[in-house]
Amino acid sequence: MMPPLVLIAEMQPDVRHRTREFLEQGGFRVLPAATGSDIFQALGTMPVSVVVLDAALRGSDGMDLCRDVRDRSEVPVILVGADSSEVDRVVALELGADDYMAKPYSRRELAARLRAVLRRGRGERALGLRRHPQACFDGWVVDFSRREVMDPARAPVDLTAAEFSLLAILLDHARTVIGRARLMELAGVRDAPSSDRSIDVLISRLRRKLRHRDRAAPIVTVRGAGYMFSAVVERR
């Protein structure tokens, strides 16, 4: 089985080189990128498994580069930035990143984060083999084999890898309250201080995308307990 291919999009050549060496020693294949053009060319021609994206590649507009990558690809993205505030983490997740790390970061921690993202994808695919190919609720259709979501008007709705994984978990536990910590564990969201709103941001993003006309998404916040997918789910 071919090792996963990690695209390291890093502005600093020395950091890019040292990170590549470390990850290759750990069993990853690594493809370096120094510009936005390098990133999009690689995504269009290579089977990239994960992107490690330095927000500084586009200067003050670096966060927008993450959004551009997400618009063109569903490949998981770990965004790397100079700041470590809660605001930066939340903004990164809102733009479609699957995780956020502040510079300078530990290469050992980066490897662990990469493995976590890849495990989440493998777990999602394994679930897909056991479940029915489709799930339906309130007129929505989720096709697990194609990783497609169609709204009641049969218009496609784009979800990031993290959002699709979270939706799959909610559908598997429909009408059951899932504690926040358990949901973070199932979704592969890293353990973090209480100030880290990663799972809350993912839920918020998913709610917005599953809203149709004046009908809210069937994701209920159960105060003090967690979240619940309230719709009846039909398997096909």
C-alpha atoms as a PDB file:
ATOM      1  CA  MET A   1       0.000   0.000   0.000  1.00  0.00           C
ATOM      2  CA  MET A   2       1.390   3.385  -1.017  1.00  0.00           C
ATOM      3  CA  PRO A   3       2.233   5.736   1.906  1.00  0.00           C
ATOM      4  CA  PRO A   4       0.098   8.897   2.085  1.00  0.00           C
ATOM      5  CA  LEU A   5       1.307  11.903   0.102  1.00  0.00           C
ATOM      6  CA  VAL A   6       1.580  15.098   2.157  1.00  0.00           C
ATOM      7  CA  LEU A   7       1.849  18.441   0.394  1.00  0.00           C
ATOM      8  CA  ILE A   8       3.986  20.798   2.495  1.00  0.00           C
ATOM      9  CA  ALA A   9       3.173  24.343   1.376  1.00  0.00           C
ATOM     10  CA  GLU A  10       5.666  26.338   3.423  1.00  0.00           C
ATOM     11  CA  MET A  11       7.131  29.778   2.748  1.00  0.00           C
ATOM     12  CA  GLN A  12      10.451  29.238   4.586  1.00  0.00           C
ATOM     13  CA  PRO A  13      12.789  26.913   2.621  1.00  0.00           C
ATOM     14  CA  ASP A  14      14.624  25.670   5.721  1.00  0.00           C
ATOM     15  CA  VAL A  15      11.402  24.779   7.526  1.00  0.00           C
ATOM     16  CA  ARG A  16      10.071  23.138   4.375  1.00  0.00           C
ATOM     17  CA  HIS A  17      13.248  21.064   4.013  1.00  0.00           C
ATOM     18  CA  ARG A  18      13.467  19.970   7.669  1.00  0.00           C
ATOM     19  CA  THR A  19       9.769  19.104   7.799  1.00  0.00           C
ATOM     20  CA  ARG A  20      10.062  17.068   4.638  1.00  0.00           C
ATOM     21  CA  GLU A  21      13.021  15.097   5.994  1.00  0.00           C
ATOM     22  CA  PHE A  22      11.268  14.395   9.305  1.00  0.00           C
ATOM     23  CA  LEU A  23       8.013  13.239   7.719  1.00  0.00           C
ATOM     24  CA  GLU A  24       9.767  11.045   5.151  1.00  0.00           C
ATOM     25  CA  GLN A  25      11.660   9.353   7.985  1.00  0.00           C
ATOM     26  CA  GLY A  26       8.263   8.728   9.584  1.00  0.00           C
ATOM     27  CA  GLY A  27       6.908   6.908   6.545  1.00  0.00           C
ATOM     28  CA  PHE A  28       5.124   9.696   4.686  1.00  0.00           C
ATOM     29  CA  ARG A  29       5.694  10.727   1.096  1.00  0.00           C
ATOM     30  CA  VAL A  30       6.180  14.484   0.903  1.00  0.00           C
ATOM     31  CA  LEU A  31       5.740  16.954  -1.914  1.00  0.00           C
ATOM     32  CA  PRO A  32       7.077  20.485  -1.237  1.00  0.00           C
ATOM     33  CA  ALA A  33       5.384  23.645  -2.494  1.00  0.00           C
ATOM     34  CA  ALA A  34       6.592  27.239  -2.244  1.00  0.00           C
ATOM     35  CA  THR A  35       3.740  29.154  -3.916  1.00  0.00           C
ATOM     36  CA  GLY A  36       0.006  29.046  -4.405  1.00  0.00           C
ATOM     37  CA  SER A  37       0.593  27.993  -8.018  1.00  0.00           C
ATOM     38  CA  ASP A  38       2.652  25.011  -6.822  1.00  0.00           C
ATOM     39  CA  ILE A  39      -0.240  23.971  -4.565  1.00  0.00           C
ATOM     40  CA  PHE A  40      -2.911  24.057  -7.256  1.00  0.00           C
ATOM     41  CA  GLN A  41      -0.701  22.312  -9.803  1.00  0.00           C
ATOM     42  CA  ALA A  42      -0.019  19.497  -7.321  1.00  0.00           C
ATOM     43  CA  LEU A  43      -3.689  19.152  -6.395  1.00  0.00           C
ATOM     44  CA  GLY A  44      -4.570  18.897 -10.068  1.00  0.00           C
ATOM     45  CA  THR A  45      -1.973  16.284 -10.962  1.00  0.00           C
ATOM     46  CA  MET A  46      -1.003  14.305  -7.833  1.00  0.00           C
ATOM     47  CA  PRO A  47      -2.953  12.058  -5.399  1.00  0.00           C
ATOM     48  CA  VAL A  48      -2.417  14.379  -2.410  1.00  0.00           C
ATOM     49  CA  SER A  49      -3.731  12.967   0.889  1.00  0.00           C
ATOM     50  CA  VAL A  50      -3.290  16.040   3.125  1.00  0.00           C
ATOM     51  CA  VAL A  51      -2.143  19.650   2.673  1.00  0.00           C
ATOM     52  CA  VAL A  52      -0.081  21.430   5.327  1.00  0.00           C
ATOM     53  CA  LEU A  53      -0.625  25.061   4.378  1.00  0.00           C
ATOM     54  CA  ASP A  54       1.409  28.027   5.617  1.00  0.00           C
ATOM     55  CA  ALA A  55      -0.941  31.022   5.797  1.00  0.00           C
ATOM     56  CA  ALA A  56       2.049  33.324   5.150  1.00  0.00           C
ATOM     57  CA  LEU A  57       2.342  32.113   1.546  1.00  0.00           C
ATOM     58  CA  ARG A  58      -0.013  34.889   0.497  1.00  0.00           C
ATOM     59  CA  GLY A  59       1.066  37.534   2.986  1.00  0.00           C
ATOM     60  CA  SER A  60      -1.746  39.369   4.734  1.00  0.00           C
ATOM     61  CA  ASP A  61      -4.305  37.480   2.625  1.00  0.00           C
ATOM     62  CA  GLY A  62      -2.963  34.071   3.634  1.00  0.00           C
ATOM     63  CA  MET A  63      -6.211  32.900   5.189  1.00  0.00           C
ATOM     64  CA  ASP A  64      -7.903  33.403   1.817  1.00  0.00           C
ATOM     65  CA  LEU A  65      -5.478  30.914   0.296  1.00  0.00           C
ATOM     66  CA  CYS A  66      -6.991  28.285   2.568  1.00  0.00           C
ATOM     67  CA  ARG A  67     -10.443  29.156   1.255  1.00  0.00           C
ATOM     68  CA  ASP A  68      -9.181  28.925  -2.347  1.00  0.00           C
ATOM     69  CA  VAL A  69      -7.704  25.481  -1.694  1.00  0.00           C
ATOM     70  CA  ARG A  70     -10.958  24.347  -0.113  1.00  0.00           C
ATOM     71  CA  ASP A  71     -12.984  25.674  -3.054  1.00  0.00           C
ATOM     72  CA  ARG A  72     -10.909  23.586  -5.462  1.00  0.00           C
ATOM     73  CA  SER A  73     -10.394  20.412  -3.455  1.00  0.00           C
ATOM     74  CA  GLU A  74     -11.847  18.277  -0.648  1.00  0.00           C
ATOM     75  CA  VAL A  75      -8.367  17.190   0.489  1.00  0.00           C
ATOM     76  CA  PRO A  76      -7.938  17.749   4.258  1.00  0.00           C
ATOM     77  CA  VAL A  77      -6.023  20.928   5.147  1.00  0.00           C
ATOM     78  CA  ILE A  78      -3.938  21.648   8.242  1.00  0.00           C
ATOM     79  CA  LEU A  79      -3.431  25.415   8.299  1.00  0.00           C
ATOM     80  CA  VAL A  80      -0.252  26.767   9.886  1.00  0.00           C
ATOM     81  CA  GLY A  81      -0.137  30.364  11.088  1.00  0.00           C
ATOM     82  CA  ALA A  82       1.927  32.737  13.192  1.00  0.00           C
ATOM     83  CA  ASP A  83      -0.818  33.330  15.780  1.00  0.00           C
ATOM     84  CA  SER A  84      -2.303  30.936  18.300  1.00  0.00           C
ATOM     85  CA  SER A  85      -5.347  32.823  19.533  1.00  0.00           C
ATOM     86  CA  GLU A  86      -8.796  31.274  19.649  1.00  0.00           C
ATOM     87  CA  VAL A  87      -9.911  33.773  17.013  1.00  0.00           C
ATOM     88  CA  ASP A  88      -7.302  32.513  14.542  1.00  0.00           C
ATOM     89  CA  ARG A  89      -8.250  28.892  15.135  1.00  0.00           C
ATOM     90  CA  VAL A  90     -11.931  29.653  14.665  1.00  0.00           C
ATOM     91  CA  VAL A  91     -11.311  31.687  11.495  1.00  0.00           C
ATOM     92  CA  ALA A  92      -9.189  28.868  10.069  1.00  0.00           C
ATOM     93  CA  LEU A  93     -11.964  26.349  10.678  1.00  0.00           C
ATOM     94  CA  GLU A  94     -14.575  28.700   9.255  1.00  0.00           C
ATOM     95  CA  LEU A  95     -12.522  28.918   6.053  1.00  0.00           C
ATOM     96  CA  GLY A  96     -12.584  25.138   5.690  1.00  0.00           C
ATOM     97  CA  ALA A  97      -9.381  23.996   7.407  1.00  0.00           C
ATOM     98  CA  ASP A  98      -9.545  20.665   9.213  1.00  0.00           C
ATOM     99  CA  ASP A  99      -7.021  21.699  11.857  1.00  0.00           C
ATOM    100  CA  TYR A 100      -4.833  24.649  12.845  1.00  0.00           C
ATOM    101  CA  MET A 101      -1.297  24.810  14.229  1.00  0.00           C
ATOM    102  CA  ALA A 102       0.641  27.864  15.369  1.00  0.00           C
ATOM    103  CA  LYS A 103       4.272  28.477  14.426  1.00  0.00           C
ATOM    104  CA  PRO A 104       6.761  27.426  15.520  1.00  0.00           C
ATOM    105  CA  TYR A 105       5.319  23.927  15.746  1.00  0.00           C
ATOM    106  CA  SER A 106       6.706  20.568  16.730  1.00  0.00           C
ATOM    107  CA  ARG A 107       7.283  18.313  13.736  1.00  0.00           C
ATOM    108  CA  ARG A 108       6.408  15.354  15.941  1.00  0.00           C
ATOM    109  CA  GLU A 109       3.057  16.968  16.747  1.00  0.00           C
ATOM    110  CA  LEU A 110       2.502  17.703  13.059  1.00  0.00           C
ATOM    111  CA  ALA A 111       3.043  14.021  12.251  1.00  0.00           C
ATOM    112  CA  ALA A 112       0.511  13.082  14.934  1.00  0.00           C
ATOM    113  CA  ARG A 113      -2.034  15.563  13.547  1.00  0.00           C
ATOM    114  CA  LEU A 114      -1.505  14.184  10.034  1.00  0.00           C
ATOM    115  CA  ARG A 115      -2.113  10.635  11.238  1.00  0.00           C
ATOM    116  CA  ALA A 116      -5.270  11.755  13.041  1.00  0.00           C
ATOM    117  CA  VAL A 117      -6.646  13.363   9.866  1.00  0.00           C
ATOM    118  CA  LEU A 118      -5.833  10.236   7.847  1.00  0.00           C
ATOM    119  CA  ARG A 119      -7.392   7.949  10.483  1.00  0.00           C
ATOM    120  CA  ARG A 120     -10.581   9.988  10.349  1.00  0.00           C
ATOM    121  CA  GLY A 121     -10.751   9.505   6.584  1.00  0.00           C
ATOM    122  CA  ARG A 122     -10.089   5.765   6.847  1.00  0.00           C
ATOM    123  CA  GLY A 123     -12.699   5.417   9.574  1.00  0.00           C
ATOM    124  CA  GLU A 124     -15.247   7.218   7.452  1.00  0.00           C
ATOM    125  CA  ARG A 125     -14.521   4.941   4.497  1.00  0.00           C
ATOM    126  CA  ALA A 126     -14.761   1.846   6.709  1.00  0.00           C
ATOM    127  CA  LEU A 127     -18.152   2.979   8.003  1.00  0.00           C
ATOM    128  CA  GLY A 128     -19.217   3.526   4.427  1.00  0.00           C
ATOM    129  CA  LEU A 129     -18.512  -0.113   3.612  1.00  0.00           C
ATOM    130  CA  ARG A 130     -20.810  -1.286   6.418  1.00  0.00           C
ATOM    131  CA  ARG A 131     -23.690   1.158   6.021  1.00  0.00           C
ATOM    132  CA  HIS A 132     -26.212   1.422   3.233  1.00  0.00           C
ATOM    133  CA  PRO A 133     -24.934   3.433   0.267  1.00  0.00           C
ATOM    134  CA  GLN A 134     -27.365   6.270   0.974  1.00  0.00           C
ATOM    135  CA  ALA A 135     -29.071   7.979   3.888  1.00  0.00           C
ATOM    136  CA  CYS A 136     -32.121  10.240   3.540  1.00  0.00           C
ATOM    137  CA  PHE A 137     -33.682  12.748   5.933  1.00  0.00           C
ATOM    138  CA  ASP A 138     -36.173  15.581   5.435  1.00  0.00           C
ATOM    139  CA  GLY A 139     -35.749  15.327   1.661  1.00  0.00           C
ATOM    140  CA  TRP A 140     -31.947  15.386   1.819  1.00  0.00           C
ATOM    141  CA  VAL A 141     -29.875  12.560   0.297  1.00  0.00           C
ATOM    142  CA  VAL A 142     -26.368  11.619   1.433  1.00  0.00           C
ATOM    143  CA  ASP A 143     -24.467   9.293  -0.898  1.00  0.00           C
ATOM    144  CA  PHE A 144     -21.545   7.766   0.997  1.00  0.00           C
ATOM    145  CA  SER A 145     -19.914   6.015  -1.941  1.00  0.00           C
ATOM    146  CA  ARG A 146     -19.766   9.244  -3.940  1.00  0.00           C
ATOM    147  CA  ARG A 147     -19.369  11.522  -0.918  1.00  0.00           C
ATOM    148  CA  GLU A 148     -22.230  13.645  -2.221  1.00  0.00           C
ATOM    149  CA  VAL A 149     -24.945  15.568  -0.388  1.00  0.00           C
ATOM    150  CA  MET A 150     -28.089  16.714  -2.222  1.00  0.00           C
ATOM    151  CA  ASP A 151     -30.603  19.126  -0.745  1.00  0.00           C
ATOM    152  CA  PRO A 152     -34.409  18.614  -1.084  1.00  0.00           C
ATOM    153  CA  ALA A 153     -34.322  20.479  -4.420  1.00  0.00           C
ATOM    154  CA  ARG A 154     -31.658  17.998  -5.605  1.00  0.00           C
ATOM    155  CA  ALA A 155     -28.967  20.666  -5.686  1.00  0.00           C
ATOM    156  CA  PRO A 156     -25.507  19.485  -4.583  1.00  0.00           C
ATOM    157  CA  VAL A 157     -24.107  20.874  -1.324  1.00  0.00           C
ATOM    158  CA  ASP A 158     -20.326  20.961  -0.934  1.00  0.00           C
ATOM    159  CA  LEU A 159     -18.972  19.705   2.388  1.00  0.00           C
ATOM    160  CA  THR A 160     -15.364  19.632   3.518  1.00  0.00           C
ATOM    161  CA  ALA A 161     -13.853  16.306   4.585  1.00  0.00           C
ATOM    162  CA  ALA A 162     -14.338  17.243   8.240  1.00  0.00           C
ATOM    163  CA  GLU A 163     -17.955  18.313   7.686  1.00  0.00           C
ATOM    164  CA  PHE A 164     -18.820  15.129   5.781  1.00  0.00           C
ATOM    165  CA  SER A 165     -17.220  12.996   8.491  1.00  0.00           C
ATOM    166  CA  LEU A 166     -19.198  14.832  11.181  1.00  0.00           C
ATOM    167  CA  LEU A 167     -22.449  14.429   9.232  1.00  0.00           C
ATOM    168  CA  ALA A 168     -21.804  10.698   8.844  1.00  0.00           C
ATOM    169  CA  ILE A 169     -21.347  10.382  12.612  1.00  0.00           C
ATOM    170  CA  LEU A 170     -24.539  12.318  13.345  1.00  0.00           C
ATOM    171  CA  LEU A 171     -26.496  10.164  10.893  1.00  0.00           C
ATOM    172  CA  ASP A 172     -25.126   7.002  12.512  1.00  0.00           C
ATOM    173  CA  HIS A 173     -26.345   8.267  15.912  1.00  0.00           C
ATOM    174  CA  ALA A 174     -29.577   9.930  14.786  1.00  0.00           C
ATOM    175  CA  ARG A 175     -32.009  10.903  17.576  1.00  0.00           C
ATOM    176  CA  THR A 176     -29.346  10.155  20.183  1.00  0.00           C
ATOM    177  CA  VAL A 177     -27.641  12.807  22.285  1.00  0.00           C
ATOM    178  CA  ILE A 178     -23.871  12.695  21.806  1.00  0.00           C
ATOM    179  CA  GLY A 179     -21.690  14.382  24.406  1.00  0.00           C
ATOM    180  CA  ARG A 180     -19.324  17.046  23.127  1.00  0.00           C
ATOM    181  CA  ALA A 181     -16.205  15.122  24.195  1.00  0.00           C
ATOM    182  CA  ARG A 182     -17.488  11.914  22.586  1.00  0.00           C
ATOM    183  CA  LEU A 183     -18.375  13.753  19.386  1.00  0.00           C
ATOM    184  CA  MET A 184     -14.875  15.264  19.268  1.00  0.00           C
ATOM    185  CA  GLU A 185     -13.425  11.786  19.695  1.00  0.00           C
ATOM    186  CA  LEU A 186     -15.603  10.233  16.973  1.00  0.00           C
ATOM    187  CA  ALA A 187     -14.942  13.112  14.582  1.00  0.00           C
ATOM    188  CA  GLY A 188     -11.188  12.941  15.113  1.00  0.00           C
ATOM    189  CA  VAL A 189     -10.997  16.496  16.441  1.00  0.00           C
ATOM    190  CA  ARG A 190      -7.879  16.804  18.557  1.00  0.00           C
ATOM    191  CA  ASP A 191      -8.039  17.098  22.325  1.00  0.00           C
ATOM    192  CA  ALA A 192      -7.768  20.770  23.211  1.00  0.00           C
ATOM    193  CA  PRO A 193      -8.322  23.248  26.014  1.00  0.00           C
ATOM    194  CA  SER A 194     -11.926  24.204  26.708  1.00  0.00           C
ATOM    195  CA  SER A 195     -11.346  27.475  24.847  1.00  0.00           C
ATOM    196  CA  ASP A 196     -10.860  25.555  21.595  1.00  0.00           C
ATOM    197  CA  ARG A 197     -14.209  25.678  19.796  1.00  0.00           C
ATOM    198  CA  SER A 198     -13.261  23.292  17.003  1.00  0.00           C
ATOM    199  CA  ILE A 199     -16.283  21.002  17.249  1.00  0.00           C
ATOM    200  CA  ASP A 200     -18.643  23.941  17.791  1.00  0.00           C
ATOM    201  CA  VAL A 201     -17.381  25.624  14.619  1.00  0.00           C
ATOM    202  CA  LEU A 202     -17.805  22.393  12.641  1.00  0.00           C
ATOM    203  CA  ILE A 203     -21.371  22.045  13.939  1.00  0.00           C
ATOM    204  CA  SER A 204     -22.076  25.682  13.043  1.00  0.00           C
ATOM    205  CA  ARG A 205     -20.706  25.225   9.519  1.00  0.00           C
ATOM    206  CA  LEU A 206     -22.716  22.049   9.016  1.00  0.00           C
ATOM    207  CA  ARG A 207     -25.896  23.718  10.283  1.00  0.00           C
ATOM    208  CA  ARG A 208     -25.515  26.541   7.774  1.00  0.00           C
ATOM    209  CA  LYS A 209     -25.022  24.131   4.893  1.00  0.00           C
ATOM    210  CA  LEU A 210     -27.935  21.885   5.890  1.00  0.00           C
ATOM    211  CA  ARG A 211     -30.364  24.780   6.103  1.00  0.00           C
ATOM    212  CA  HIS A 212     -32.863  24.755   3.248  1.00  0.00           C
ATOM    213  CA  ARG A 213     -35.028  27.782   2.589  1.00  0.00           C
ATOM    214  CA  ASP A 214     -36.707  28.571   5.927  1.00  0.00           C
ATOM    215  CA  ARG A 215     -36.090  25.146   7.432  1.00  0.00           C
ATOM    216  CA  ALA A 216     -33.221  24.890   9.918  1.00  0.00           C
ATOM    217  CA  ALA A 217     -30.807  21.984   9.985  1.00  0.00           C
ATOM    218  CA  PRO A 218     -31.947  19.115  12.263  1.00  0.00           C
ATOM    219  CA  ILE A 219     -28.960  19.482  14.609  1.00  0.00           C
ATOM    220  CA  VAL A 220     -30.121  20.293  18.113  1.00  0.00           C
ATOM    221  CA  THR A 221     -27.995  21.631  20.958  1.00  0.00           C
ATOM    222  CA  VAL A 222     -28.926  19.829  24.172  1.00  0.00           C
ATOM    223  CA  ARG A 223     -27.834  22.182  26.922  1.00  0.00           C
ATOM    224  CA  GLY A 224     -25.282  20.613  29.222  1.00  0.00           C
ATOM    225  CA  ALA A 225     -25.325  17.328  27.318  1.00  0.00           C
ATOM    226  CA  GLY A 226     -24.130  17.779  23.728  1.00  0.00           C
ATOM    227  CA  TYR A 227     -25.714  17.600  20.290  1.00  0.00           C
ATOM    228  CA  MET A 228     -28.441  15.502  18.659  1.00  0.00           C
ATOM    229  CA  PHE A 229     -29.433  14.899  15.051  1.00  0.00           C
ATOM    230  CA  SER A 230     -33.209  15.140  15.420  1.00  0.00           C
ATOM    231  CA  ALA A 231     -34.473  13.985  12.004  1.00  0.00           C
ATOM    232  CA  VAL A 232     -35.585  10.462  11.178  1.00  0.00           C
ATOM    233  CA  VAL A 233     -32.953   8.858   8.945  1.00  0.00           C
ATOM    234  CA  GLU A 234     -33.876   6.327   6.272  1.00  0.00           C
ATOM    235  CA  ARG A 235     -31.244   3.972   4.862  1.00  0.00           C
ATOM    236  CA  ARG A 236     -31.180   2.864   1.256  1.00  0.00           C
END
